[in-house]
N, C-alpha and C. Protein backbone atom coordinates (compact mmCIF):
# COMPACT_ATOMS: atom_id res chain seq x y z
N MET A 1 25.39 -6.66 -0.82
CA MET A 1 26.74 -6.18 -0.70
C MET A 1 27.20 -6.45 0.73
N SER A 2 28.36 -7.02 0.89
CA SER A 2 28.85 -7.31 2.24
C SER A 2 29.19 -6.02 2.97
N ASN A 3 29.12 -6.10 4.27
CA ASN A 3 29.39 -4.96 5.15
C ASN A 3 28.45 -3.78 4.92
N THR A 4 27.26 -4.05 4.43
CA THR A 4 26.24 -3.02 4.27
C THR A 4 25.09 -3.36 5.20
N TYR A 5 24.78 -2.44 6.09
CA TYR A 5 23.73 -2.67 7.09
C TYR A 5 22.77 -1.50 7.04
N THR A 6 21.50 -1.82 6.96
CA THR A 6 20.49 -0.76 6.90
C THR A 6 19.32 -1.10 7.81
N GLN A 7 18.62 -0.07 8.23
CA GLN A 7 17.36 -0.22 8.93
C GLN A 7 16.45 0.87 8.39
N ILE A 8 15.69 0.50 7.38
CA ILE A 8 14.82 1.46 6.70
C ILE A 8 13.40 0.88 6.71
N HIS A 9 12.48 1.64 7.25
CA HIS A 9 11.08 1.20 7.31
C HIS A 9 10.25 2.12 6.43
N ILE A 10 9.53 1.52 5.49
CA ILE A 10 8.74 2.29 4.54
C ILE A 10 7.27 1.89 4.65
N HIS A 11 6.42 2.89 4.73
CA HIS A 11 4.97 2.73 4.76
C HIS A 11 4.46 3.10 3.37
N ILE A 12 3.87 2.13 2.68
CA ILE A 12 3.39 2.33 1.30
C ILE A 12 1.86 2.33 1.32
N ILE A 13 1.29 3.26 0.58
CA ILE A 13 -0.17 3.36 0.49
C ILE A 13 -0.55 3.50 -0.98
N PHE A 14 -1.51 2.70 -1.43
CA PHE A 14 -2.06 2.88 -2.76
C PHE A 14 -3.50 2.41 -2.79
N ALA A 15 -4.23 2.86 -3.81
CA ALA A 15 -5.67 2.67 -3.86
C ALA A 15 -6.10 1.92 -5.12
N VAL A 16 -7.28 1.35 -5.03
CA VAL A 16 -7.94 0.77 -6.19
C VAL A 16 -8.26 1.91 -7.15
N GLN A 17 -8.19 1.63 -8.45
CA GLN A 17 -8.47 2.66 -9.45
C GLN A 17 -9.80 3.34 -9.15
N TYR A 18 -9.78 4.65 -9.16
CA TYR A 18 -10.93 5.50 -8.86
C TYR A 18 -11.47 5.30 -7.45
N ARG A 19 -10.69 4.62 -6.60
CA ARG A 19 -11.06 4.37 -5.21
C ARG A 19 -12.38 3.59 -5.10
N VAL A 20 -12.63 2.74 -6.07
CA VAL A 20 -13.83 1.90 -6.04
C VAL A 20 -13.61 0.78 -5.04
N ALA A 21 -14.60 0.49 -4.26
CA ALA A 21 -14.51 -0.54 -3.21
C ALA A 21 -14.63 -1.93 -3.82
N LEU A 22 -13.54 -2.44 -4.38
CA LEU A 22 -13.56 -3.73 -5.07
C LEU A 22 -12.92 -4.88 -4.30
N ILE A 23 -12.11 -4.57 -3.30
CA ILE A 23 -11.44 -5.63 -2.54
C ILE A 23 -12.45 -6.21 -1.56
N GLU A 24 -12.80 -7.47 -1.78
CA GLU A 24 -13.85 -8.10 -0.99
C GLU A 24 -13.27 -8.89 0.18
N GLU A 25 -14.02 -8.91 1.27
CA GLU A 25 -13.62 -9.66 2.47
C GLU A 25 -13.32 -11.11 2.16
N SER A 26 -14.06 -11.70 1.23
CA SER A 26 -13.93 -13.13 0.95
C SER A 26 -12.56 -13.50 0.38
N TRP A 27 -11.83 -12.55 -0.22
CA TRP A 27 -10.53 -12.88 -0.80
C TRP A 27 -9.41 -11.91 -0.43
N LYS A 28 -9.69 -10.94 0.43
CA LYS A 28 -8.64 -9.96 0.74
C LYS A 28 -7.45 -10.58 1.45
N ASN A 29 -7.66 -11.57 2.34
CA ASN A 29 -6.51 -12.19 3.01
C ASN A 29 -5.63 -12.96 2.03
N GLU A 30 -6.23 -13.56 1.01
CA GLU A 30 -5.45 -14.23 -0.03
C GLU A 30 -4.64 -13.20 -0.83
N LEU A 31 -5.25 -12.04 -1.08
CA LEU A 31 -4.53 -10.95 -1.75
C LEU A 31 -3.34 -10.52 -0.91
N TYR A 32 -3.54 -10.34 0.38
CA TYR A 32 -2.45 -9.91 1.26
C TYR A 32 -1.33 -10.95 1.28
N LYS A 33 -1.68 -12.22 1.27
CA LYS A 33 -0.67 -13.29 1.22
C LYS A 33 0.11 -13.23 -0.08
N TYR A 34 -0.60 -12.98 -1.17
CA TYR A 34 0.06 -12.90 -2.47
C TYR A 34 1.03 -11.71 -2.50
N ILE A 35 0.58 -10.56 -2.02
CA ILE A 35 1.45 -9.38 -1.97
C ILE A 35 2.64 -9.64 -1.05
N SER A 36 2.40 -10.31 0.05
CA SER A 36 3.49 -10.68 0.96
C SER A 36 4.55 -11.50 0.23
N GLY A 37 4.11 -12.42 -0.61
CA GLY A 37 5.05 -13.23 -1.39
C GLY A 37 5.88 -12.40 -2.34
N ILE A 38 5.28 -11.39 -2.95
CA ILE A 38 6.02 -10.49 -3.85
C ILE A 38 7.09 -9.75 -3.07
N ILE A 39 6.72 -9.24 -1.91
CA ILE A 39 7.66 -8.48 -1.08
C ILE A 39 8.82 -9.37 -0.64
N LYS A 40 8.51 -10.57 -0.17
CA LYS A 40 9.56 -11.50 0.28
C LYS A 40 10.45 -11.94 -0.88
N ALA A 41 9.86 -12.16 -2.04
CA ALA A 41 10.65 -12.56 -3.21
C ALA A 41 11.66 -11.48 -3.61
N GLN A 42 11.32 -10.23 -3.31
CA GLN A 42 12.22 -9.11 -3.60
C GLN A 42 13.17 -8.83 -2.44
N LYS A 43 13.17 -9.71 -1.44
CA LYS A 43 14.11 -9.65 -0.30
C LYS A 43 13.85 -8.52 0.69
N HIS A 44 12.62 -8.01 0.71
CA HIS A 44 12.23 -7.04 1.72
C HIS A 44 11.49 -7.80 2.82
N LYS A 45 11.28 -7.17 3.96
CA LYS A 45 10.60 -7.81 5.08
C LYS A 45 9.24 -7.18 5.29
N LEU A 46 8.18 -7.98 5.12
CA LEU A 46 6.84 -7.48 5.39
C LEU A 46 6.66 -7.39 6.91
N ILE A 47 6.23 -6.24 7.37
CA ILE A 47 5.93 -6.08 8.79
C ILE A 47 4.43 -6.21 9.00
N ILE A 48 3.64 -5.48 8.21
CA ILE A 48 2.18 -5.60 8.29
C ILE A 48 1.58 -5.10 6.99
N ILE A 49 0.45 -5.70 6.64
CA ILE A 49 -0.35 -5.27 5.49
C ILE A 49 -1.81 -5.30 5.92
N ASN A 50 -2.54 -4.27 5.55
CA ASN A 50 -3.97 -4.21 5.83
C ASN A 50 -4.56 -3.06 5.02
N GLY A 51 -5.84 -3.00 5.00
CA GLY A 51 -6.50 -1.92 4.27
C GLY A 51 -7.99 -2.06 4.37
N THR A 52 -8.65 -1.50 3.39
CA THR A 52 -10.11 -1.59 3.31
C THR A 52 -10.45 -2.03 1.89
N SER A 53 -11.69 -1.92 1.53
CA SER A 53 -12.13 -2.37 0.22
C SER A 53 -11.60 -1.52 -0.93
N ASP A 54 -11.05 -0.33 -0.62
CA ASP A 54 -10.59 0.54 -1.71
C ASP A 54 -9.12 0.94 -1.65
N HIS A 55 -8.37 0.51 -0.63
CA HIS A 55 -6.95 0.85 -0.56
C HIS A 55 -6.20 -0.08 0.37
N ILE A 56 -4.86 -0.01 0.27
CA ILE A 56 -3.99 -0.88 1.07
C ILE A 56 -2.86 -0.07 1.68
N HIS A 57 -2.49 -0.46 2.90
CA HIS A 57 -1.31 0.05 3.58
C HIS A 57 -0.35 -1.11 3.77
N ILE A 58 0.92 -0.88 3.50
CA ILE A 58 1.94 -1.91 3.68
C ILE A 58 3.12 -1.26 4.41
N LEU A 59 3.59 -1.91 5.48
CA LEU A 59 4.79 -1.46 6.17
C LEU A 59 5.84 -2.54 5.99
N ILE A 60 7.00 -2.12 5.48
CA ILE A 60 8.06 -3.09 5.20
C ILE A 60 9.39 -2.64 5.81
N GLY A 61 10.23 -3.62 6.05
CA GLY A 61 11.64 -3.38 6.28
C GLY A 61 12.27 -3.38 4.90
N TYR A 62 12.70 -2.24 4.45
CA TYR A 62 13.12 -2.02 3.06
C TYR A 62 14.61 -2.25 2.89
N LYS A 63 14.97 -3.01 1.88
CA LYS A 63 16.37 -3.22 1.50
C LYS A 63 16.65 -2.35 0.28
N PRO A 64 17.68 -1.52 0.31
CA PRO A 64 17.90 -0.53 -0.74
C PRO A 64 18.48 -1.08 -2.06
N HIS A 65 18.42 -2.37 -2.28
CA HIS A 65 18.89 -2.93 -3.55
C HIS A 65 17.90 -2.69 -4.69
N GLN A 66 16.68 -2.29 -4.35
CA GLN A 66 15.62 -2.08 -5.33
C GLN A 66 14.98 -0.73 -5.06
N SER A 67 14.64 0.01 -6.09
CA SER A 67 13.98 1.29 -5.85
C SER A 67 12.56 1.05 -5.33
N ILE A 68 12.07 1.99 -4.57
CA ILE A 68 10.71 1.88 -4.04
C ILE A 68 9.71 1.84 -5.19
N SER A 69 9.91 2.65 -6.21
CA SER A 69 8.97 2.66 -7.34
C SER A 69 8.95 1.31 -8.06
N ASP A 70 10.10 0.65 -8.20
CA ASP A 70 10.11 -0.67 -8.81
C ASP A 70 9.40 -1.69 -7.94
N LEU A 71 9.59 -1.61 -6.63
CA LEU A 71 8.90 -2.52 -5.73
C LEU A 71 7.39 -2.34 -5.81
N VAL A 72 6.94 -1.09 -5.77
CA VAL A 72 5.49 -0.82 -5.85
C VAL A 72 4.95 -1.28 -7.20
N GLN A 73 5.69 -1.07 -8.25
CA GLN A 73 5.26 -1.55 -9.57
C GLN A 73 5.12 -3.08 -9.56
N ASP A 74 6.08 -3.79 -8.96
CA ASP A 74 6.00 -5.25 -8.85
C ASP A 74 4.76 -5.67 -8.06
N ILE A 75 4.51 -4.99 -6.94
CA ILE A 75 3.36 -5.33 -6.10
C ILE A 75 2.05 -5.07 -6.84
N LYS A 76 1.91 -3.88 -7.39
CA LYS A 76 0.66 -3.52 -8.05
C LYS A 76 0.43 -4.34 -9.32
N GLY A 77 1.47 -4.48 -10.14
CA GLY A 77 1.33 -5.25 -11.38
C GLY A 77 1.04 -6.71 -11.11
N GLY A 78 1.81 -7.30 -10.21
CA GLY A 78 1.62 -8.72 -9.90
C GLY A 78 0.29 -9.01 -9.25
N SER A 79 -0.12 -8.16 -8.31
CA SER A 79 -1.37 -8.42 -7.60
C SER A 79 -2.59 -8.15 -8.48
N SER A 80 -2.56 -7.14 -9.32
CA SER A 80 -3.71 -6.91 -10.20
C SER A 80 -3.85 -8.04 -11.22
N LYS A 81 -2.72 -8.53 -11.73
CA LYS A 81 -2.76 -9.68 -12.64
C LYS A 81 -3.34 -10.90 -11.93
N TRP A 82 -2.92 -11.13 -10.69
CA TRP A 82 -3.40 -12.26 -9.89
C TRP A 82 -4.90 -12.16 -9.65
N ILE A 83 -5.38 -10.97 -9.27
CA ILE A 83 -6.82 -10.77 -9.03
C ILE A 83 -7.61 -11.06 -10.30
N ASN A 84 -7.13 -10.57 -11.44
CA ASN A 84 -7.84 -10.78 -12.71
C ASN A 84 -7.81 -12.24 -13.14
N GLU A 85 -6.68 -12.91 -12.94
CA GLU A 85 -6.59 -14.34 -13.29
C GLU A 85 -7.50 -15.20 -12.41
N LYS A 86 -7.65 -14.81 -11.15
CA LYS A 86 -8.53 -15.54 -10.23
C LYS A 86 -10.01 -15.29 -10.53
N LYS A 87 -10.29 -14.27 -11.33
CA LYS A 87 -11.65 -13.90 -11.70
C LYS A 87 -12.53 -13.62 -10.47
N TYR A 88 -11.94 -12.93 -9.50
CA TYR A 88 -12.68 -12.55 -8.31
C TYR A 88 -13.77 -11.52 -8.62
N LEU A 89 -13.58 -10.78 -9.71
CA LEU A 89 -14.49 -9.70 -10.05
C LEU A 89 -15.02 -9.87 -11.47
N ARG A 90 -16.15 -9.28 -11.73
CA ARG A 90 -16.72 -9.31 -13.09
C ARG A 90 -16.15 -8.19 -13.95
N VAL A 91 -15.45 -7.29 -13.34
CA VAL A 91 -14.80 -6.18 -14.06
C VAL A 91 -13.30 -6.37 -13.96
N LYS A 92 -12.57 -5.70 -14.85
CA LYS A 92 -11.11 -5.75 -14.79
C LYS A 92 -10.62 -4.93 -13.61
N PHE A 93 -9.74 -5.52 -12.82
CA PHE A 93 -9.20 -4.85 -11.65
C PHE A 93 -7.93 -4.10 -12.01
N ASN A 94 -7.83 -2.86 -11.53
CA ASN A 94 -6.62 -2.05 -11.67
C ASN A 94 -6.40 -1.26 -10.39
N TRP A 95 -5.15 -1.01 -10.10
CA TRP A 95 -4.80 -0.09 -9.03
C TRP A 95 -4.73 1.31 -9.61
N GLN A 96 -5.00 2.31 -8.78
CA GLN A 96 -4.85 3.72 -9.16
C GLN A 96 -3.39 3.97 -9.52
N LYS A 97 -3.15 4.83 -10.47
CA LYS A 97 -1.77 5.23 -10.77
C LYS A 97 -1.20 5.95 -9.56
N GLY A 98 0.07 5.74 -9.32
CA GLY A 98 0.75 6.42 -8.23
C GLY A 98 0.61 5.70 -6.90
N TYR A 99 1.28 6.26 -5.91
CA TYR A 99 1.30 5.70 -4.56
C TYR A 99 1.91 6.75 -3.64
N ALA A 100 1.85 6.47 -2.36
CA ALA A 100 2.56 7.29 -1.38
C ALA A 100 3.49 6.37 -0.61
N ALA A 101 4.65 6.87 -0.22
CA ALA A 101 5.60 6.09 0.58
C ALA A 101 6.26 7.03 1.58
N PHE A 102 6.29 6.60 2.82
CA PHE A 102 6.84 7.41 3.89
C PHE A 102 7.79 6.56 4.72
N SER A 103 8.86 7.17 5.22
CA SER A 103 9.80 6.44 6.05
C SER A 103 9.53 6.74 7.53
N TYR A 104 9.80 5.74 8.36
CA TYR A 104 9.60 5.86 9.80
C TYR A 104 10.82 5.34 10.54
N SER A 105 11.09 5.94 11.68
CA SER A 105 12.17 5.45 12.53
C SER A 105 11.66 4.26 13.36
N GLN A 106 12.60 3.53 13.90
CA GLN A 106 12.28 2.37 14.74
C GLN A 106 11.33 2.76 15.88
N SER A 107 11.52 3.93 16.45
CA SER A 107 10.72 4.36 17.59
C SER A 107 9.25 4.62 17.25
N HIS A 108 8.93 4.77 15.98
CA HIS A 108 7.54 5.02 15.58
C HIS A 108 6.82 3.77 15.06
N LEU A 109 7.51 2.65 14.96
CA LEU A 109 6.92 1.48 14.32
C LEU A 109 5.66 0.96 15.00
N ILE A 110 5.64 0.90 16.30
CA ILE A 110 4.46 0.36 17.01
C ILE A 110 3.23 1.20 16.67
N LYS A 111 3.38 2.50 16.66
CA LYS A 111 2.25 3.39 16.33
C LYS A 111 1.77 3.14 14.89
N VAL A 112 2.69 3.00 13.96
CA VAL A 112 2.33 2.75 12.56
C VAL A 112 1.68 1.37 12.41
N ILE A 113 2.24 0.37 13.06
CA ILE A 113 1.67 -0.98 13.01
C ILE A 113 0.24 -0.97 13.52
N ASN A 114 0.01 -0.33 14.66
CA ASN A 114 -1.35 -0.27 15.21
C ASN A 114 -2.29 0.50 14.31
N TYR A 115 -1.78 1.55 13.69
CA TYR A 115 -2.60 2.32 12.76
C TYR A 115 -3.03 1.45 11.57
N ILE A 116 -2.10 0.72 11.01
CA ILE A 116 -2.41 -0.14 9.86
C ILE A 116 -3.31 -1.29 10.28
N LYS A 117 -3.07 -1.84 11.44
CA LYS A 117 -3.87 -2.96 11.94
C LYS A 117 -5.34 -2.57 12.09
N ASN A 118 -5.61 -1.32 12.41
CA ASN A 118 -6.97 -0.87 12.71
C ASN A 118 -7.60 -0.05 11.59
N GLN A 119 -7.28 -0.38 10.35
CA GLN A 119 -7.80 0.37 9.21
C GLN A 119 -9.32 0.39 9.13
N GLU A 120 -9.95 -0.74 9.33
CA GLU A 120 -11.41 -0.80 9.21
C GLU A 120 -12.08 0.16 10.19
N GLN A 121 -11.63 0.15 11.45
CA GLN A 121 -12.22 1.04 12.45
C GLN A 121 -11.88 2.50 12.14
N HIS A 122 -10.65 2.73 11.73
CA HIS A 122 -10.21 4.09 11.43
C HIS A 122 -11.08 4.71 10.33
N HIS A 123 -11.39 3.94 9.31
CA HIS A 123 -12.12 4.50 8.18
C HIS A 123 -13.62 4.56 8.39
N LYS A 124 -14.08 4.16 9.53
CA LYS A 124 -15.48 4.43 9.89
C LYS A 124 -15.62 5.90 10.25
N LYS A 125 -14.49 6.53 10.65
CA LYS A 125 -14.50 7.92 11.08
C LYS A 125 -13.95 8.89 10.02
N LYS A 126 -13.08 8.38 9.15
CA LYS A 126 -12.39 9.26 8.22
C LYS A 126 -12.32 8.63 6.83
N LYS A 127 -12.62 9.43 5.81
CA LYS A 127 -12.53 8.96 4.43
C LYS A 127 -11.07 8.80 4.02
N PHE A 128 -10.83 7.87 3.11
CA PHE A 128 -9.47 7.60 2.66
C PHE A 128 -8.80 8.83 2.07
N ILE A 129 -9.50 9.60 1.26
CA ILE A 129 -8.89 10.76 0.62
C ILE A 129 -8.44 11.78 1.66
N GLU A 130 -9.21 11.94 2.74
CA GLU A 130 -8.81 12.84 3.83
C GLU A 130 -7.53 12.34 4.48
N GLU A 131 -7.49 11.04 4.75
CA GLU A 131 -6.32 10.42 5.36
C GLU A 131 -5.09 10.61 4.48
N TYR A 132 -5.26 10.36 3.19
CA TYR A 132 -4.16 10.44 2.24
C TYR A 132 -3.56 11.85 2.23
N LYS A 133 -4.43 12.85 2.14
CA LYS A 133 -3.96 14.23 2.14
C LYS A 133 -3.30 14.61 3.46
N GLU A 134 -3.81 14.08 4.57
CA GLU A 134 -3.20 14.34 5.87
C GLU A 134 -1.77 13.78 5.93
N PHE A 135 -1.57 12.59 5.38
CA PHE A 135 -0.22 12.02 5.32
C PHE A 135 0.70 12.93 4.50
N LEU A 136 0.23 13.35 3.34
CA LEU A 136 1.05 14.20 2.49
C LEU A 136 1.42 15.49 3.20
N LYS A 137 0.46 16.10 3.87
CA LYS A 137 0.73 17.34 4.60
C LYS A 137 1.66 17.10 5.79
N ALA A 138 1.44 16.02 6.54
CA ALA A 138 2.27 15.73 7.71
C ALA A 138 3.73 15.51 7.33
N PHE A 139 3.96 14.95 6.14
CA PHE A 139 5.33 14.69 5.69
C PHE A 139 5.85 15.79 4.76
N ASN A 140 5.11 16.91 4.69
CA ASN A 140 5.51 18.07 3.88
C ASN A 140 5.76 17.70 2.42
N VAL A 141 4.87 16.89 1.87
CA VAL A 141 4.97 16.49 0.48
C VAL A 141 4.10 17.42 -0.36
N ASP A 142 4.73 18.10 -1.32
CA ASP A 142 3.96 18.93 -2.23
C ASP A 142 3.20 18.03 -3.19
N TYR A 143 1.96 18.38 -3.46
CA TYR A 143 1.17 17.60 -4.41
C TYR A 143 0.25 18.53 -5.19
N ASP A 144 -0.12 18.07 -6.35
CA ASP A 144 -1.01 18.80 -7.22
C ASP A 144 -2.40 18.18 -7.08
N GLU A 145 -3.35 18.94 -6.67
CA GLU A 145 -4.72 18.47 -6.43
C GLU A 145 -5.31 17.79 -7.67
N ARG A 146 -4.86 18.19 -8.87
CA ARG A 146 -5.39 17.59 -10.10
C ARG A 146 -5.01 16.13 -10.25
N TYR A 147 -3.96 15.70 -9.57
CA TYR A 147 -3.47 14.34 -9.77
C TYR A 147 -3.64 13.45 -8.55
N ILE A 148 -4.32 13.91 -7.56
CA ILE A 148 -4.45 13.14 -6.34
C ILE A 148 -5.65 12.19 -6.44
N LEU A 149 -5.38 10.93 -6.55
CA LEU A 149 -6.39 9.88 -6.53
C LEU A 149 -7.66 10.28 -7.27
N LYS A 150 -7.58 10.27 -8.57
CA LYS A 150 -8.65 10.73 -9.44
C LYS A 150 -9.95 9.98 -9.25
N GLU A 151 -11.02 10.72 -9.46
CA GLU A 151 -12.36 10.15 -9.51
C GLU A 151 -12.59 9.58 -10.91
N PRO A 152 -13.61 8.78 -11.11
CA PRO A 152 -13.89 8.26 -12.45
C PRO A 152 -14.09 9.39 -13.46
N GLU A 153 -13.58 9.15 -14.67
CA GLU A 153 -13.67 10.19 -15.72
C GLU A 153 -14.95 10.03 -16.52
């Protein structure tokens, strides 16, 4: 839409189903490139993507023409299909249901970028589930413990 100007930064977090460590070093950069393509195709701006073997953090410059839930659905659906078609794993790959998304001001971007950039080191000290709950609490997001990143059934 002409004469519409926005500056919206969204930090998206989601995990591998049951938080199983399935994302392997040998193909994770290809996965990140693929996800980057999905984000760019939807006209958003990828700022940084990184994670560990069981989850991903994505920081984007968000354009409000698409809902965040639709974007995350595109990313998760497209990337899981891509992983399965590439046959990187002997099991079927799925992302955990749900996600977290938080907005940040321009003044906080460097801190968020550095945080995402250093995921491997960060998670040597803190488990993902602890981090996830800390984000929810820091942003005053109510959540039901029964639905937070389920363990295998």
